[in-house]
Amino acid sequence: MVMTRKLKHGTPRLRMGGIDVVLANEIKLLGVVIDRKLTFNSHVANVCRRSIAFYHQLARTAKATWGLHPEVIRIIYKAVVEPVILYAAAVWEPAVHKQGIRKQLNVVQRGFAQKLCRAYRTVSLNSALLLAGVLPLDLRVREVAALYGARRGVPQRVIGDREVERRSSALRSPHPACHIEWEFQSIENQQQFAENSNYQ
């Protein structure tokens, strides 16, 4: 396989032991499908296909009104589906910026998000993700890639607050006794109100 982003390139002829070596359009290396233009479209399509097959098996046991408890589905999603999709995310993270890749990831996540919040199929992806408390997969891929780079000492740009939001636990909020007290005074008559508001 010749890896290049050029539209036109010369195809090399290789012979080993008197046999012509045929060039492949893509190879699978350590579980990542690499194509000749490094678009990673085949890899994302492959992991999405595997995740959708797993979703169809899960959908038999979890319906909107009966079946597996949403917390069980959440554990399965976090322990099985996300690791399959996020495998080697640092390698193919640049592909997430393409709209076609994001659409494929959204198709996978929509079904699981609907099962997590026990919603019907007509519920939109954004609503289901919000109710389920799950981060969109394209942001998870960016997060995992950024964390991998940070562990390796790669300089990272600062992740914005809107990019990665986590649901905050009630235990992290300050104690009610530590809240700031607001001072206020009661207005006794209209004259005092007019003086305070500079309105005559």
N, C-alpha and C. Protein backbone atom coordinates (compact mmCIF):
# COMPACT_ATOMS: atom_id res chain seq x y z
N MET A 1 0.85 -1.17 0.00
CA MET A 1 0.00 0.00 0.00
C MET A 1 0.89 1.24 0.00
N VAL A 2 0.56 2.19 -0.85
CA VAL A 2 1.27 3.46 -0.91
C VAL A 2 0.42 4.50 -0.20
N MET A 3 0.97 5.10 0.86
CA MET A 3 0.22 6.11 1.61
C MET A 3 0.59 7.49 1.10
N THR A 4 -0.40 8.16 0.52
CA THR A 4 -0.20 9.51 0.02
C THR A 4 -1.54 10.20 -0.11
N ARG A 5 -1.52 11.52 0.00
CA ARG A 5 -2.73 12.30 -0.21
C ARG A 5 -2.76 12.91 -1.61
N LYS A 6 -1.76 12.62 -2.42
CA LYS A 6 -1.71 13.14 -3.78
C LYS A 6 -2.78 12.46 -4.64
N LEU A 7 -3.35 13.23 -5.56
CA LEU A 7 -4.35 12.66 -6.46
C LEU A 7 -3.71 11.73 -7.47
N LYS A 8 -2.53 12.10 -7.95
CA LYS A 8 -1.83 11.27 -8.93
C LYS A 8 -0.46 10.90 -8.38
N HIS A 9 -0.16 9.64 -8.45
CA HIS A 9 1.16 9.18 -8.01
C HIS A 9 1.51 7.94 -8.80
N GLY A 10 2.79 7.72 -8.97
CA GLY A 10 3.23 6.53 -9.69
C GLY A 10 3.08 5.29 -8.84
N THR A 11 2.55 4.23 -9.44
CA THR A 11 2.37 2.97 -8.71
C THR A 11 3.64 2.15 -8.82
N PRO A 12 4.30 1.87 -7.71
CA PRO A 12 5.54 1.09 -7.79
C PRO A 12 5.25 -0.38 -8.09
N ARG A 13 6.17 -1.01 -8.78
CA ARG A 13 6.05 -2.45 -9.07
C ARG A 13 7.03 -3.18 -8.18
N LEU A 14 6.51 -4.10 -7.39
CA LEU A 14 7.33 -4.85 -6.44
C LEU A 14 7.31 -6.33 -6.80
N ARG A 15 8.47 -6.95 -6.71
CA ARG A 15 8.57 -8.39 -6.93
C ARG A 15 9.38 -8.98 -5.79
N MET A 16 8.86 -10.08 -5.24
CA MET A 16 9.57 -10.80 -4.19
C MET A 16 9.60 -12.27 -4.57
N GLY A 17 10.79 -12.80 -4.73
CA GLY A 17 10.92 -14.21 -5.09
C GLY A 17 10.34 -14.51 -6.46
N GLY A 18 10.39 -13.52 -7.36
CA GLY A 18 9.87 -13.71 -8.70
C GLY A 18 8.36 -13.57 -8.81
N ILE A 19 7.70 -13.18 -7.71
CA ILE A 19 6.23 -13.03 -7.72
C ILE A 19 5.91 -11.55 -7.53
N ASP A 20 4.97 -11.05 -8.36
CA ASP A 20 4.54 -9.66 -8.23
C ASP A 20 3.73 -9.47 -6.95
N VAL A 21 4.07 -8.42 -6.21
CA VAL A 21 3.34 -8.09 -4.98
C VAL A 21 2.25 -7.08 -5.35
N VAL A 22 1.00 -7.47 -5.08
CA VAL A 22 -0.13 -6.60 -5.41
C VAL A 22 -0.33 -5.59 -4.29
N LEU A 23 -0.53 -4.33 -4.66
CA LEU A 23 -0.75 -3.29 -3.66
C LEU A 23 -2.19 -3.34 -3.18
N ALA A 24 -2.38 -3.17 -1.88
CA ALA A 24 -3.72 -3.16 -1.29
C ALA A 24 -4.16 -1.71 -1.06
N ASN A 25 -5.48 -1.51 -1.06
CA ASN A 25 -6.01 -0.16 -0.80
C ASN A 25 -6.03 0.16 0.68
N GLU A 26 -6.12 -0.86 1.52
CA GLU A 26 -6.14 -0.63 2.97
C GLU A 26 -5.56 -1.85 3.68
N ILE A 27 -5.03 -1.60 4.87
CA ILE A 27 -4.50 -2.69 5.69
C ILE A 27 -5.03 -2.53 7.11
N LYS A 28 -5.04 -3.65 7.83
CA LYS A 28 -5.46 -3.62 9.23
C LYS A 28 -4.22 -3.87 10.07
N LEU A 29 -3.87 -2.89 10.87
CA LEU A 29 -2.66 -2.96 11.68
C LEU A 29 -3.02 -2.72 13.14
N LEU A 30 -2.85 -3.73 13.97
CA LEU A 30 -3.18 -3.65 15.40
C LEU A 30 -4.63 -3.21 15.63
N GLY A 31 -5.53 -3.69 14.79
CA GLY A 31 -6.95 -3.40 14.96
C GLY A 31 -7.43 -2.11 14.35
N VAL A 32 -6.53 -1.34 13.73
CA VAL A 32 -6.90 -0.08 13.09
C VAL A 32 -6.80 -0.26 11.58
N VAL A 33 -7.89 0.02 10.87
CA VAL A 33 -7.90 -0.09 9.41
C VAL A 33 -7.34 1.22 8.84
N ILE A 34 -6.22 1.10 8.12
CA ILE A 34 -5.54 2.27 7.56
C ILE A 34 -5.71 2.22 6.05
N ASP A 35 -6.25 3.29 5.47
CA ASP A 35 -6.37 3.35 4.02
C ASP A 35 -5.22 4.18 3.45
N ARG A 36 -5.12 4.18 2.12
CA ARG A 36 -3.94 4.80 1.50
C ARG A 36 -3.94 6.32 1.62
N LYS A 37 -5.10 6.95 1.83
CA LYS A 37 -5.14 8.41 1.98
C LYS A 37 -5.24 8.85 3.43
N LEU A 38 -5.16 7.92 4.35
CA LEU A 38 -5.20 8.19 5.80
C LEU A 38 -6.47 8.96 6.20
N THR A 39 -7.61 8.58 5.62
CA THR A 39 -8.87 9.22 5.99
C THR A 39 -9.55 8.51 7.15
N PHE A 40 -9.22 7.24 7.38
CA PHE A 40 -9.78 6.40 8.45
C PHE A 40 -11.29 6.22 8.31
N ASN A 41 -11.82 6.44 7.11
CA ASN A 41 -13.25 6.21 6.89
C ASN A 41 -13.59 4.73 7.07
N SER A 42 -12.73 3.85 6.56
CA SER A 42 -12.98 2.41 6.67
C SER A 42 -12.94 1.96 8.12
N HIS A 43 -12.03 2.52 8.90
CA HIS A 43 -11.93 2.13 10.31
C HIS A 43 -13.19 2.53 11.07
N VAL A 44 -13.65 3.75 10.87
CA VAL A 44 -14.85 4.21 11.57
C VAL A 44 -16.06 3.41 11.13
N ALA A 45 -16.18 3.13 9.83
CA ALA A 45 -17.30 2.31 9.35
C ALA A 45 -17.26 0.92 9.96
N ASN A 46 -16.06 0.38 10.13
CA ASN A 46 -15.91 -0.96 10.71
C ASN A 46 -16.35 -0.99 12.17
N VAL A 47 -15.87 -0.04 12.98
CA VAL A 47 -16.24 -0.05 14.41
C VAL A 47 -17.71 0.30 14.60
N CYS A 48 -18.24 1.16 13.75
CA CYS A 48 -19.67 1.50 13.85
C CYS A 48 -20.53 0.30 13.48
N ARG A 49 -20.11 -0.46 12.48
CA ARG A 49 -20.85 -1.66 12.10
C ARG A 49 -20.87 -2.68 13.24
N ARG A 50 -19.74 -2.85 13.91
CA ARG A 50 -19.68 -3.78 15.04
C ARG A 50 -20.56 -3.30 16.19
N SER A 51 -20.54 -2.00 16.46
CA SER A 51 -21.34 -1.46 17.56
C SER A 51 -22.83 -1.54 17.26
N ILE A 52 -23.23 -1.32 16.02
CA ILE A 52 -24.65 -1.42 15.66
C ILE A 52 -25.12 -2.86 15.77
N ALA A 53 -24.27 -3.82 15.40
CA ALA A 53 -24.64 -5.23 15.57
C ALA A 53 -24.85 -5.56 17.04
N PHE A 54 -24.00 -5.00 17.90
CA PHE A 54 -24.18 -5.22 19.33
C PHE A 54 -25.45 -4.55 19.83
N TYR A 55 -25.78 -3.37 19.29
CA TYR A 55 -27.01 -2.68 19.68
C TYR A 55 -28.25 -3.51 19.34
N HIS A 56 -28.24 -4.15 18.17
CA HIS A 56 -29.39 -4.96 17.77
C HIS A 56 -29.60 -6.13 18.74
N GLN A 57 -28.51 -6.70 19.24
CA GLN A 57 -28.64 -7.77 20.23
C GLN A 57 -29.19 -7.22 21.54
N LEU A 58 -28.73 -6.04 21.92
CA LEU A 58 -29.20 -5.43 23.17
C LEU A 58 -30.66 -5.01 23.06
N ALA A 59 -31.08 -4.56 21.88
CA ALA A 59 -32.45 -4.05 21.70
C ALA A 59 -33.50 -5.14 21.90
N ARG A 60 -33.11 -6.39 21.76
CA ARG A 60 -34.07 -7.48 22.00
C ARG A 60 -34.46 -7.59 23.46
N THR A 61 -33.57 -7.17 24.34
CA THR A 61 -33.83 -7.33 25.78
C THR A 61 -34.15 -6.03 26.48
N ALA A 62 -34.17 -4.92 25.75
CA ALA A 62 -34.44 -3.63 26.39
C ALA A 62 -35.37 -2.82 25.50
N LYS A 63 -36.60 -2.68 25.94
CA LYS A 63 -37.58 -1.86 25.22
C LYS A 63 -37.87 -0.61 26.05
N ALA A 64 -38.73 0.25 25.53
CA ALA A 64 -39.01 1.51 26.21
C ALA A 64 -39.76 1.31 27.52
N THR A 65 -40.57 0.26 27.60
CA THR A 65 -41.40 0.07 28.80
C THR A 65 -41.02 -1.16 29.61
N TRP A 66 -40.17 -2.03 29.09
CA TRP A 66 -39.78 -3.22 29.85
C TRP A 66 -38.36 -3.62 29.42
N GLY A 67 -37.79 -4.54 30.18
CA GLY A 67 -36.47 -5.06 29.82
C GLY A 67 -35.40 -4.64 30.81
N LEU A 68 -34.18 -4.61 30.33
CA LEU A 68 -33.04 -4.29 31.18
C LEU A 68 -33.17 -2.90 31.79
N HIS A 69 -32.68 -2.78 33.01
CA HIS A 69 -32.68 -1.49 33.70
C HIS A 69 -31.70 -0.55 32.99
N PRO A 70 -32.02 0.74 32.93
CA PRO A 70 -31.12 1.68 32.25
C PRO A 70 -29.70 1.70 32.81
N GLU A 71 -29.54 1.46 34.11
CA GLU A 71 -28.18 1.45 34.67
C GLU A 71 -27.38 0.26 34.17
N VAL A 72 -28.05 -0.87 33.93
CA VAL A 72 -27.37 -2.03 33.35
C VAL A 72 -26.93 -1.71 31.92
N ILE A 73 -27.82 -1.05 31.18
CA ILE A 73 -27.48 -0.66 29.80
C ILE A 73 -26.32 0.34 29.82
N ARG A 74 -26.30 1.24 30.80
CA ARG A 74 -25.20 2.21 30.90
C ARG A 74 -23.87 1.50 31.15
N ILE A 75 -23.88 0.50 32.03
CA ILE A 75 -22.66 -0.26 32.30
C ILE A 75 -22.18 -0.98 31.05
N ILE A 76 -23.12 -1.60 30.32
CA ILE A 76 -22.77 -2.29 29.08
C ILE A 76 -22.21 -1.30 28.06
N TYR A 77 -22.85 -0.15 27.95
CA TYR A 77 -22.40 0.86 26.98
C TYR A 77 -21.00 1.35 27.32
N LYS A 78 -20.76 1.66 28.60
CA LYS A 78 -19.45 2.18 29.01
C LYS A 78 -18.36 1.12 28.93
N ALA A 79 -18.72 -0.15 29.22
CA ALA A 79 -17.71 -1.20 29.30
C ALA A 79 -17.45 -1.90 27.97
N VAL A 80 -18.42 -1.86 27.05
CA VAL A 80 -18.27 -2.62 25.81
C VAL A 80 -18.25 -1.71 24.58
N VAL A 81 -19.27 -0.87 24.43
CA VAL A 81 -19.43 -0.10 23.19
C VAL A 81 -18.39 1.01 23.08
N GLU A 82 -18.26 1.82 24.13
CA GLU A 82 -17.29 2.93 24.07
C GLU A 82 -15.86 2.45 23.85
N PRO A 83 -15.39 1.40 24.55
CA PRO A 83 -14.02 0.95 24.27
C PRO A 83 -13.81 0.47 22.84
N VAL A 84 -14.83 -0.15 22.24
CA VAL A 84 -14.71 -0.60 20.85
C VAL A 84 -14.52 0.60 19.93
N ILE A 85 -15.32 1.64 20.15
CA ILE A 85 -15.24 2.82 19.28
C ILE A 85 -14.01 3.66 19.58
N LEU A 86 -13.65 3.78 20.86
CA LEU A 86 -12.55 4.67 21.24
C LEU A 86 -11.18 4.01 21.14
N TYR A 87 -11.12 2.77 20.66
CA TYR A 87 -9.84 2.09 20.54
C TYR A 87 -8.94 2.86 19.56
N ALA A 88 -7.75 3.18 19.98
CA ALA A 88 -6.77 3.93 19.17
C ALA A 88 -7.33 5.27 18.70
N ALA A 89 -8.11 5.92 19.56
CA ALA A 89 -8.73 7.20 19.19
C ALA A 89 -7.69 8.27 18.90
N ALA A 90 -6.54 8.19 19.54
CA ALA A 90 -5.50 9.20 19.30
C ALA A 90 -4.98 9.14 17.86
N VAL A 91 -5.12 7.98 17.22
CA VAL A 91 -4.64 7.83 15.85
C VAL A 91 -5.61 8.47 14.86
N TRP A 92 -6.90 8.15 15.02
CA TRP A 92 -7.89 8.59 14.02
C TRP A 92 -8.73 9.79 14.47
N GLU A 93 -8.31 10.47 15.54
CA GLU A 93 -9.05 11.64 16.03
C GLU A 93 -9.22 12.75 15.00
N PRO A 94 -8.25 13.04 14.11
CA PRO A 94 -8.49 14.10 13.11
C PRO A 94 -9.67 13.82 12.19
N ALA A 95 -10.03 12.54 12.02
CA ALA A 95 -11.17 12.20 11.14
C ALA A 95 -12.50 12.63 11.74
N VAL A 96 -12.54 12.85 13.06
CA VAL A 96 -13.80 13.20 13.73
C VAL A 96 -14.29 14.58 13.31
N HIS A 97 -13.41 15.41 12.78
CA HIS A 97 -13.81 16.75 12.37
C HIS A 97 -14.66 16.73 11.10
N LYS A 98 -14.69 15.59 10.40
CA LYS A 98 -15.49 15.48 9.18
C LYS A 98 -16.94 15.15 9.54
N GLN A 99 -17.86 15.77 8.82
CA GLN A 99 -19.28 15.61 9.13
C GLN A 99 -19.75 14.18 8.88
N GLY A 100 -19.23 13.52 7.85
CA GLY A 100 -19.64 12.14 7.56
C GLY A 100 -19.29 11.19 8.68
N ILE A 101 -18.12 11.38 9.28
CA ILE A 101 -17.70 10.53 10.41
C ILE A 101 -18.59 10.79 11.61
N ARG A 102 -18.89 12.06 11.87
CA ARG A 102 -19.76 12.38 13.01
C ARG A 102 -21.15 11.78 12.84
N LYS A 103 -21.65 11.76 11.61
CA LYS A 103 -22.97 11.16 11.37
C LYS A 103 -22.96 9.67 11.68
N GLN A 104 -21.90 8.98 11.29
CA GLN A 104 -21.81 7.54 11.58
C GLN A 104 -21.78 7.30 13.09
N LEU A 105 -21.02 8.11 13.81
CA LEU A 105 -20.96 7.95 15.26
C LEU A 105 -22.30 8.28 15.90
N ASN A 106 -23.01 9.27 15.36
CA ASN A 106 -24.33 9.62 15.91
C ASN A 106 -25.34 8.51 15.71
N VAL A 107 -25.27 7.81 14.58
CA VAL A 107 -26.18 6.69 14.34
C VAL A 107 -25.99 5.62 15.40
N VAL A 108 -24.74 5.34 15.74
CA VAL A 108 -24.46 4.34 16.77
C VAL A 108 -24.99 4.79 18.12
N GLN A 109 -24.72 6.04 18.48
CA GLN A 109 -25.01 6.50 19.84
C GLN A 109 -26.49 6.76 20.06
N ARG A 110 -27.23 7.06 19.02
CA ARG A 110 -28.64 7.43 19.19
C ARG A 110 -29.44 6.29 19.81
N GLY A 111 -29.24 5.09 19.30
CA GLY A 111 -29.99 3.95 19.83
C GLY A 111 -29.68 3.68 21.29
N PHE A 112 -28.40 3.72 21.64
CA PHE A 112 -28.01 3.47 23.02
C PHE A 112 -28.53 4.57 23.95
N ALA A 113 -28.49 5.82 23.50
CA ALA A 113 -28.98 6.92 24.33
C ALA A 113 -30.48 6.79 24.56
N GLN A 114 -31.21 6.35 23.55
CA GLN A 114 -32.66 6.16 23.73
C GLN A 114 -32.95 5.04 24.71
N LYS A 115 -32.15 3.98 24.68
CA LYS A 115 -32.34 2.89 25.64
C LYS A 115 -31.97 3.34 27.05
N LEU A 116 -30.96 4.20 27.17
CA LEU A 116 -30.53 4.66 28.49
C LEU A 116 -31.59 5.51 29.17
N CYS A 117 -32.31 6.31 28.41
CA CYS A 117 -33.34 7.16 29.03
C CYS A 117 -34.75 6.60 28.82
N ARG A 118 -34.84 5.37 28.29
CA ARG A 118 -36.13 4.70 28.06
C ARG A 118 -37.07 5.56 27.24
N ALA A 119 -36.55 6.07 26.16
CA ALA A 119 -37.35 6.92 25.27
C ALA A 119 -37.77 6.13 24.04
N TYR A 120 -38.75 6.64 23.34
CA TYR A 120 -39.20 6.01 22.10
C TYR A 120 -38.28 6.42 20.95
N ARG A 121 -38.45 5.76 19.81
CA ARG A 121 -37.55 5.97 18.67
C ARG A 121 -37.68 7.36 18.05
N THR A 122 -38.75 8.06 18.34
CA THR A 122 -38.94 9.39 17.76
C THR A 122 -38.14 10.47 18.47
N VAL A 123 -37.53 10.15 19.60
CA VAL A 123 -36.75 11.14 20.35
C VAL A 123 -35.45 11.44 19.60
N SER A 124 -35.10 12.71 19.50
CA SER A 124 -33.90 13.10 18.76
C SER A 124 -32.64 12.71 19.53
N LEU A 125 -31.53 12.72 18.81
CA LEU A 125 -30.25 12.35 19.41
C LEU A 125 -29.86 13.30 20.53
N ASN A 126 -29.94 14.60 20.29
CA ASN A 126 -29.52 15.57 21.31
C ASN A 126 -30.35 15.46 22.57
N SER A 127 -31.66 15.28 22.42
CA SER A 127 -32.52 15.13 23.60
C SER A 127 -32.19 13.86 24.36
N ALA A 128 -31.98 12.77 23.63
CA ALA A 128 -31.66 11.50 24.28
C ALA A 128 -30.33 11.56 25.01
N LEU A 129 -29.33 12.22 24.39
CA LEU A 129 -28.03 12.35 25.05
C LEU A 129 -28.13 13.18 26.32
N LEU A 130 -28.92 14.24 26.26
CA LEU A 130 -29.09 15.10 27.43
C LEU A 130 -29.78 14.35 28.56
N LEU A 131 -30.85 13.63 28.24
CA LEU A 131 -31.58 12.89 29.27
C LEU A 131 -30.76 11.73 29.82
N ALA A 132 -29.95 11.10 28.96
CA ALA A 132 -29.14 9.96 29.40
C ALA A 132 -27.88 10.40 30.12
N GLY A 133 -27.48 11.66 29.97
CA GLY A 133 -26.27 12.13 30.62
C GLY A 133 -25.01 11.56 30.00
N VAL A 134 -25.03 11.40 28.67
CA VAL A 134 -23.90 10.81 27.95
C VAL A 134 -23.29 11.88 27.05
N LEU A 135 -21.97 11.90 26.98
CA LEU A 135 -21.26 12.85 26.13
C LEU A 135 -21.28 12.34 24.69
N PRO A 136 -21.47 13.21 23.69
CA PRO A 136 -21.44 12.75 22.29
C PRO A 136 -20.12 12.07 21.96
N LEU A 137 -20.19 11.07 21.08
CA LEU A 137 -19.01 10.26 20.79
C LEU A 137 -17.88 11.06 20.14
N ASP A 138 -18.22 12.04 19.31
CA ASP A 138 -17.14 12.82 18.69
C ASP A 138 -16.36 13.60 19.74
N LEU A 139 -17.04 14.10 20.77
CA LEU A 139 -16.33 14.79 21.85
C LEU A 139 -15.56 13.81 22.72
N ARG A 140 -16.11 12.59 22.89
CA ARG A 140 -15.39 11.58 23.67
C ARG A 140 -14.09 11.19 22.96
N VAL A 141 -14.15 11.08 21.63
CA VAL A 141 -12.94 10.74 20.87
C VAL A 141 -11.90 11.83 21.05
N ARG A 142 -12.32 13.09 20.97
CA ARG A 142 -11.38 14.19 21.17
C ARG A 142 -10.82 14.19 22.58
N GLU A 143 -11.67 13.89 23.55
CA GLU A 143 -11.23 13.87 24.94
C GLU A 143 -10.21 12.78 25.18
N VAL A 144 -10.48 11.57 24.67
CA VAL A 144 -9.56 10.45 24.85
C VAL A 144 -8.23 10.73 24.16
N ALA A 145 -8.28 11.30 22.96
CA ALA A 145 -7.05 11.63 22.25
C ALA A 145 -6.25 12.70 22.99
N ALA A 146 -6.94 13.70 23.55
CA ALA A 146 -6.25 14.76 24.30
C ALA A 146 -5.62 14.20 25.58
N LEU A 147 -6.33 13.31 26.26
CA LEU A 147 -5.78 12.70 27.48
C LEU A 147 -4.57 11.83 27.15
N TYR A 148 -4.63 11.10 26.04
CA TYR A 148 -3.49 10.28 25.62
C TYR A 148 -2.28 11.17 25.33
N GLY A 149 -2.52 12.27 24.62
CA GLY A 149 -1.43 13.18 24.32
C GLY A 149 -0.85 13.83 25.57
N ALA A 150 -1.72 14.15 26.54
CA ALA A 150 -1.24 14.75 27.79
C ALA A 150 -0.38 13.77 28.57
N ARG A 151 -0.77 12.49 28.56
CA ARG A 151 0.05 11.49 29.26
C ARG A 151 1.41 11.31 28.60
N ARG A 152 1.44 11.50 27.28
CA ARG A 152 2.69 11.34 26.53
C ARG A 152 3.53 12.61 26.52
N GLY A 153 3.04 13.68 27.12
CA GLY A 153 3.80 14.92 27.17
C GLY A 153 3.66 15.79 25.93
N VAL A 154 2.64 15.51 25.11
CA VAL A 154 2.40 16.33 23.92
C VAL A 154 1.73 17.62 24.36
N PRO A 155 2.22 18.79 23.94
CA PRO A 155 1.56 20.03 24.34
C PRO A 155 0.13 20.07 23.81
N GLN A 156 -0.80 20.42 24.68
CA GLN A 156 -2.22 20.41 24.34
C GLN A 156 -2.76 21.83 24.39
N ARG A 157 -3.69 22.09 23.48
CA ARG A 157 -4.42 23.35 23.59
C ARG A 157 -5.45 23.18 24.70
N VAL A 158 -5.87 24.26 25.30
CA VAL A 158 -6.81 24.21 26.42
C VAL A 158 -8.18 23.83 25.88
N ILE A 159 -8.79 22.82 26.51
CA ILE A 159 -10.12 22.38 26.11
C ILE A 159 -11.13 23.35 26.70
N GLY A 160 -12.01 23.88 25.87
CA GLY A 160 -13.00 24.85 26.32
C GLY A 160 -14.06 24.22 27.20
N ASP A 161 -14.72 25.05 27.99
CA ASP A 161 -15.76 24.55 28.89
C ASP A 161 -16.93 23.94 28.14
N ARG A 162 -17.25 24.50 26.98
CA ARG A 162 -18.40 23.99 26.24
C ARG A 162 -18.06 22.72 25.47
N GLU A 163 -16.75 22.45 25.29
CA GLU A 163 -16.37 21.29 24.51
C GLU A 163 -16.59 20.00 25.28
N VAL A 164 -16.15 19.96 26.51
CA VAL A 164 -16.29 18.77 27.33
C VAL A 164 -16.97 19.17 28.62
N GLU A 165 -18.21 18.80 28.76
CA GLU A 165 -18.96 19.11 29.97
C GLU A 165 -19.31 17.80 30.67
N ARG A 166 -19.14 17.79 31.94
CA ARG A 166 -19.48 16.62 32.74
C ARG A 166 -20.59 16.98 33.70
N ARG A 167 -21.45 16.03 33.96
CA ARG A 167 -22.49 16.26 34.95
C ARG A 167 -21.84 16.28 36.33
N SER A 168 -22.05 17.32 37.08
CA SER A 168 -21.42 17.48 38.38
C SER A 168 -22.22 16.73 39.44
N SER A 169 -21.51 16.07 40.32
CA SER A 169 -22.16 15.34 41.40
C SER A 169 -22.66 16.32 42.46
N ALA A 170 -23.74 15.95 43.14
CA ALA A 170 -24.28 16.80 44.20
C ALA A 170 -23.30 16.88 45.37
N LEU A 171 -22.43 15.89 45.50
CA LEU A 171 -21.46 15.90 46.59
C LEU A 171 -20.36 16.94 46.39
N ARG A 172 -20.17 17.39 45.15
CA ARG A 172 -19.13 18.38 44.87
C ARG A 172 -19.59 19.80 45.14
N SER A 173 -20.88 20.02 45.24
CA SER A 173 -21.36 21.37 45.50
C SER A 173 -21.05 21.77 46.94
N PRO A 174 -20.85 23.06 47.20
CA PRO A 174 -20.50 23.47 48.57
C PRO A 174 -21.64 23.23 49.55
N HIS A 175 -21.26 23.11 50.79
CA HIS A 175 -22.25 22.90 51.85
C HIS A 175 -23.15 24.13 51.95
N PRO A 176 -24.45 23.94 52.25
CA PRO A 176 -25.35 25.10 52.35
C PRO A 176 -24.88 26.16 53.35
N ALA A 177 -24.14 25.75 54.38
CA ALA A 177 -23.65 26.71 55.36
C ALA A 177 -22.54 27.60 54.79
N CYS A 178 -21.92 27.14 53.68
CA CYS A 178 -20.83 27.91 53.08
C CYS A 178 -21.30 28.87 52.00
N HIS A 179 -22.59 28.92 51.75
CA HIS A 179 -23.10 29.82 50.71
C HIS A 179 -22.90 31.28 51.12
N ILE A 180 -22.69 32.14 50.13
CA ILE A 180 -22.51 33.57 50.38
C ILE A 180 -23.86 34.17 50.74
N GLU A 181 -23.86 34.93 51.80
CA GLU A 181 -25.09 35.59 52.23
C GLU A 181 -25.28 36.87 51.43
N TRP A 182 -26.48 37.07 50.91
CA TRP A 182 -26.82 38.29 50.20
C TRP A 182 -27.46 39.26 51.17
N GLU A 183 -26.94 40.47 51.20
CA GLU A 183 -27.50 41.48 52.09
C GLU A 183 -28.52 42.31 51.33
N PHE A 184 -29.65 42.54 51.94
CA PHE A 184 -30.68 43.36 51.32
C PHE A 184 -31.41 44.13 52.41
N GLN A 185 -32.03 45.21 52.00
CA GLN A 185 -32.81 46.03 52.93
C GLN A 185 -34.21 46.19 52.36
N SER A 186 -35.17 46.22 53.24
CA SER A 186 -36.55 46.41 52.82
C SER A 186 -36.82 47.90 52.61
N ILE A 187 -37.54 48.21 51.55
CA ILE A 187 -37.93 49.59 51.27
C ILE A 187 -39.25 49.85 51.97
N GLU A 188 -39.27 50.92 52.76
CA GLU A 188 -40.45 51.16 53.59
C GLU A 188 -41.48 52.04 52.90
N ASN A 189 -41.07 52.93 51.99
CA ASN A 189 -42.05 53.81 51.34
C ASN A 189 -41.59 54.15 49.93
N GLN A 190 -42.45 54.86 49.17
CA GLN A 190 -42.14 55.19 47.78
C GLN A 190 -41.02 56.22 47.67
N GLN A 191 -40.91 57.11 48.65
CA GLN A 191 -39.86 58.12 48.61
C GLN A 191 -38.49 57.46 48.64
N GLN A 192 -38.33 56.47 49.50
CA GLN A 192 -37.06 55.78 49.60
C GLN A 192 -36.77 55.01 48.31
N PHE A 193 -37.80 54.44 47.69
CA PHE A 193 -37.64 53.74 46.42
C PHE A 193 -37.17 54.69 45.32
N ALA A 194 -37.77 55.89 45.27
CA ALA A 194 -37.42 56.87 44.25
C ALA A 194 -35.98 57.36 44.44
N GLU A 195 -35.54 57.51 45.68
CA GLU A 195 -34.17 57.97 45.93
C GLU A 195 -33.15 56.90 45.52
N ASN A 196 -33.47 55.64 45.78
CA ASN A 196 -32.53 54.56 45.46
C ASN A 196 -32.45 54.29 43.96
N SER A 197 -33.54 54.52 43.25
CA SER A 197 -33.54 54.20 41.82
C SER A 197 -33.27 55.41 40.94
N ASN A 198 -33.03 56.59 41.55
CA ASN A 198 -32.79 57.83 40.80
C ASN A 198 -33.93 58.14 39.85
N TYR A 199 -35.12 57.83 40.26
CA TYR A 199 -36.31 58.08 39.44
C TYR A 199 -37.17 59.11 40.15
N GLN A 200 -37.46 60.20 39.49
CA GLN A 200 -38.27 61.25 40.12
C GLN A 200 -39.62 61.34 39.47
